[in-house]
């Protein structure tokens, strides 16, 4: 009788081990599927982020160009401001806009 019980016990143990092995395989498969899904999501987000990065770099380049243009314009304005304060500018405006001349200048008019 002891021999029959041990056979029965061995069969139950084999069945239990087999069931555990199947559970383990299923859980490993589920973990693998989850990892693959995570990799797919991360890859899709990486593509999206690369596209955004490219757009932002283009915007940055455009803004840098605008900054350089505005710096150049500011220096031109500074030069014009200095020129407006000179006697040469005052004479030029008086001649062009008001038609005035210096005492020692002669005006020639076409007929």
C-alpha atoms as a PDB file:
ATOM      1  CA  UNK A   1       0.000   0.000   0.000  1.00  0.00           C
ATOM      2  CA  UNK A   2       2.880   2.277   0.729  1.00  0.00           C
ATOM      3  CA  UNK A   3       4.162   1.747  -2.762  1.00  0.00           C
ATOM      4  CA  UNK A   4       0.796   2.734  -4.285  1.00  0.00           C
ATOM      5  CA  UNK A   5       0.684   5.919  -2.233  1.00  0.00           C
ATOM      6  CA  UNK A   6       4.135   6.964  -3.328  1.00  0.00           C
ATOM      7  CA  UNK A   7       3.213   6.429  -7.001  1.00  0.00           C
ATOM      8  CA  UNK A   8       0.111   8.456  -6.511  1.00  0.00           C
ATOM      9  CA  UNK A   9       2.090  11.155  -4.771  1.00  0.00           C
ATOM     10  CA  UNK A  10       4.657  11.229  -7.594  1.00  0.00           C
ATOM     11  CA  UNK A  11       1.912  11.593 -10.170  1.00  0.00           C
ATOM     12  CA  UNK A  12       0.396  14.507  -8.250  1.00  0.00           C
ATOM     13  CA  UNK A  13       3.817  16.142  -7.959  1.00  0.00           C
ATOM     14  CA  UNK A  14       4.456  15.728 -11.687  1.00  0.00           C
ATOM     15  CA  UNK A  15       1.050  17.170 -12.481  1.00  0.00           C
ATOM     16  CA  UNK A  16       1.699  20.076 -10.061  1.00  0.00           C
ATOM     17  CA  UNK A  17       5.130  20.736 -11.599  1.00  0.00           C
ATOM     18  CA  UNK A  18       3.634  20.574 -15.083  1.00  0.00           C
ATOM     19  CA  UNK A  19       0.905  23.030 -14.135  1.00  0.00           C
ATOM     20  CA  UNK A  20       3.473  25.383 -12.593  1.00  0.00           C
ATOM     21  CA  UNK A  21       5.610  25.164 -15.723  1.00  0.00           C
ATOM     22  CA  UNK A  22       2.594  26.071 -17.868  1.00  0.00           C
ATOM     23  CA  UNK A  23       1.750  28.988 -15.598  1.00  0.00           C
ATOM     24  CA  UNK A  24       5.346  30.153 -15.726  1.00  0.00           C
ATOM     25  CA  UNK A  25       5.362  29.977 -19.544  1.00  0.00           C
ATOM     26  CA  UNK A  26       2.127  31.951 -19.752  1.00  0.00           C
ATOM     27  CA  UNK A  27       3.369  34.611 -17.365  1.00  0.00           C
ATOM     28  CA  UNK A  28       6.668  34.919 -19.259  1.00  0.00           C
ATOM     29  CA  UNK A  29       4.739  35.246 -22.513  1.00  0.00           C
ATOM     30  CA  UNK A  30       2.552  37.973 -20.969  1.00  0.00           C
ATOM     31  CA  UNK A  31       5.627  39.824 -19.693  1.00  0.00           C
ATOM     32  CA  UNK A  32       7.191  39.559 -23.145  1.00  0.00           C
ATOM     33  CA  UNK A  33       4.077  40.985 -24.803  1.00  0.00           C
ATOM     34  CA  UNK A  34       3.983  43.885 -22.338  1.00  0.00           C
ATOM     35  CA  UNK A  35       7.664  44.645 -22.982  1.00  0.00           C
ATOM     36  CA  UNK A  36       7.084  44.599 -26.760  1.00  0.00           C
ATOM     37  CA  UNK A  37       4.124  46.958 -26.398  1.00  0.00           C
ATOM     38  CA  UNK A  38       6.187  49.327 -24.259  1.00  0.00           C
ATOM     39  CA  UNK A  39       8.968  49.281 -26.844  1.00  0.00           C
ATOM     40  CA  UNK A  40       6.472  50.086 -29.596  1.00  0.00           C
ATOM     41  CA  UNK A  41       5.045  53.017 -27.636  1.00  0.00           C
ATOM     42  CA  UNK A  42       8.513  54.358 -26.806  1.00  0.00           C
ATOM     43  CA  UNK A  43       9.567  54.068 -30.455  1.00  0.00           C
ATOM     44  CA  UNK A  44       6.484  55.923 -31.646  1.00  0.00           C
ATOM     45  CA  UNK A  45       7.094  58.678 -29.098  1.00  0.00           C
ATOM     46  CA  UNK A  46      10.745  58.888 -30.136  1.00  0.00           C
ATOM     47  CA  UNK A  47       9.734  59.531 -33.746  1.00  0.00           C
ATOM     48  CA  UNK A  48       7.323  62.221 -32.621  1.00  0.00           C
ATOM     49  CA  UNK A  49       9.966  63.847 -30.443  1.00  0.00           C
ATOM     50  CA  UNK A  50      12.526  63.840 -33.270  1.00  0.00           C
ATOM     51  CA  UNK A  51      10.037  65.642 -35.525  1.00  0.00           C
ATOM     52  CA  UNK A  52       9.316  68.234 -32.831  1.00  0.00           C
ATOM     53  CA  UNK A  53      13.052  68.690 -32.274  1.00  0.00           C
ATOM     54  CA  UNK A  54      13.581  69.304 -35.999  1.00  0.00           C
ATOM     55  CA  UNK A  55      10.783  71.898 -36.006  1.00  0.00           C
ATOM     56  CA  UNK A  56      12.172  73.615 -32.915  1.00  0.00           C
ATOM     57  CA  UNK A  57      15.671  73.745 -34.403  1.00  0.00           C
ATOM     58  CA  UNK A  58      14.282  75.391 -37.542  1.00  0.00           C
ATOM     59  CA  UNK A  59      12.420  77.935 -35.382  1.00  0.00           C
ATOM     60  CA  UNK A  60      15.569  78.588 -33.374  1.00  0.00           C
ATOM     61  CA  UNK A  61      17.580  79.223 -36.542  1.00  0.00           C
ATOM     62  CA  UNK A  62      14.897  81.628 -37.816  1.00  0.00           C
ATOM     63  CA  UNK A  63      14.817  83.481 -34.506  1.00  0.00           C
ATOM     64  CA  UNK A  64      18.632  83.761 -34.463  1.00  0.00           C
ATOM     65  CA  UNK A  65      18.485  85.281 -37.953  1.00  0.00           C
ATOM     66  CA  UNK A  66      15.833  87.747 -36.771  1.00  0.00           C
ATOM     67  CA  UNK A  67      17.990  88.684 -33.786  1.00  0.00           C
ATOM     68  CA  UNK A  68      20.961  89.372 -36.062  1.00  0.00           C
ATOM     69  CA  UNK A  69      18.772  91.450 -38.403  1.00  0.00           C
ATOM     70  CA  UNK A  70      17.430  93.486 -35.493  1.00  0.00           C
ATOM     71  CA  UNK A  71      20.927  94.082 -34.110  1.00  0.00           C
ATOM     72  CA  UNK A  72      22.021  95.331 -37.523  1.00  0.00           C
ATOM     73  CA  UNK A  73      18.951  97.556 -37.742  1.00  0.00           C
ATOM     74  CA  UNK A  74      19.624  98.935 -34.251  1.00  0.00           C
ATOM     75  CA  UNK A  75      23.183  99.848 -35.230  1.00  0.00           C
ATOM     76  CA  UNK A  76      21.880 101.592 -38.368  1.00  0.00           C
ATOM     77  CA  UNK A  77      19.419 103.556 -36.220  1.00  0.00           C
ATOM     78  CA  UNK A  78      22.244 104.549 -33.856  1.00  0.00           C
ATOM     79  CA  UNK A  79      24.342 105.749 -36.814  1.00  0.00           C
ATOM     80  CA  UNK A  80      21.377 107.729 -38.195  1.00  0.00           C
ATOM     81  CA  UNK A  81      20.783 109.267 -34.771  1.00  0.00           C
ATOM     82  CA  UNK A  82      24.400 110.428 -34.651  1.00  0.00           C
ATOM     83  CA  UNK A  83      24.162 111.792 -38.208  1.00  0.00           C
ATOM     84  CA  UNK A  84      20.934 113.704 -37.447  1.00  0.00           C
ATOM     85  CA  UNK A  85      22.762 115.654 -34.745  1.00  0.00           C
ATOM     86  CA  UNK A  86      25.497 116.925 -37.111  1.00  0.00           C
ATOM     87  CA  UNK A  87      25.671 120.254 -38.968  1.00  0.00           C
ATOM     88  CA  UNK A  88      26.005 118.372 -42.243  1.00  0.00           C
ATOM     89  CA  UNK A  89      22.517 116.874 -41.785  1.00  0.00           C
ATOM     90  CA  UNK A  90      21.031 120.262 -40.894  1.00  0.00           C
ATOM     91  CA  UNK A  91      22.509 121.795 -44.075  1.00  0.00           C
ATOM     92  CA  UNK A  92      21.264 118.907 -46.197  1.00  0.00           C
ATOM     93  CA  UNK A  93      17.696 119.232 -44.877  1.00  0.00           C
ATOM     94  CA  UNK A  94      17.782 123.027 -45.295  1.00  0.00           C
ATOM     95  CA  UNK A  95      18.855 122.682 -48.934  1.00  0.00           C
ATOM     96  CA  UNK A  96      16.616 119.753 -49.911  1.00  0.00           C
ATOM     97  CA  UNK A  97      13.436 120.507 -48.022  1.00  0.00           C
ATOM     98  CA  UNK A  98      13.507 124.254 -47.523  1.00  0.00           C
ATOM     99  CA  UNK A  99      15.473 125.344 -50.607  1.00  0.00           C
ATOM    100  CA  UNK A 100      17.957 127.434 -48.555  1.00  0.00           C
ATOM    101  CA  UNK A 101      21.540 128.088 -49.677  1.00  0.00           C
ATOM    102  CA  UNK A 102      24.728 129.365 -48.067  1.00  0.00           C
ATOM    103  CA  UNK A 103      25.793 132.998 -48.664  1.00  0.00           C
ATOM    104  CA  UNK A 104      28.665 132.063 -50.953  1.00  0.00           C
ATOM    105  CA  UNK A 105      26.690 129.588 -53.146  1.00  0.00           C
ATOM    106  CA  UNK A 106      25.233 130.355 -56.560  1.00  0.00           C
ATOM    107  CA  UNK A 107      21.971 128.759 -57.723  1.00  0.00           C
ATOM    108  CA  UNK A 108      21.640 127.739 -61.351  1.00  0.00           C
ATOM    109  CA  UNK A 109      18.131 127.146 -62.654  1.00  0.00           C
ATOM    110  CA  UNK A 110      17.321 125.380 -65.906  1.00  0.00           C
ATOM    111  CA  UNK A 111      14.995 127.238 -68.268  1.00  0.00           C
END
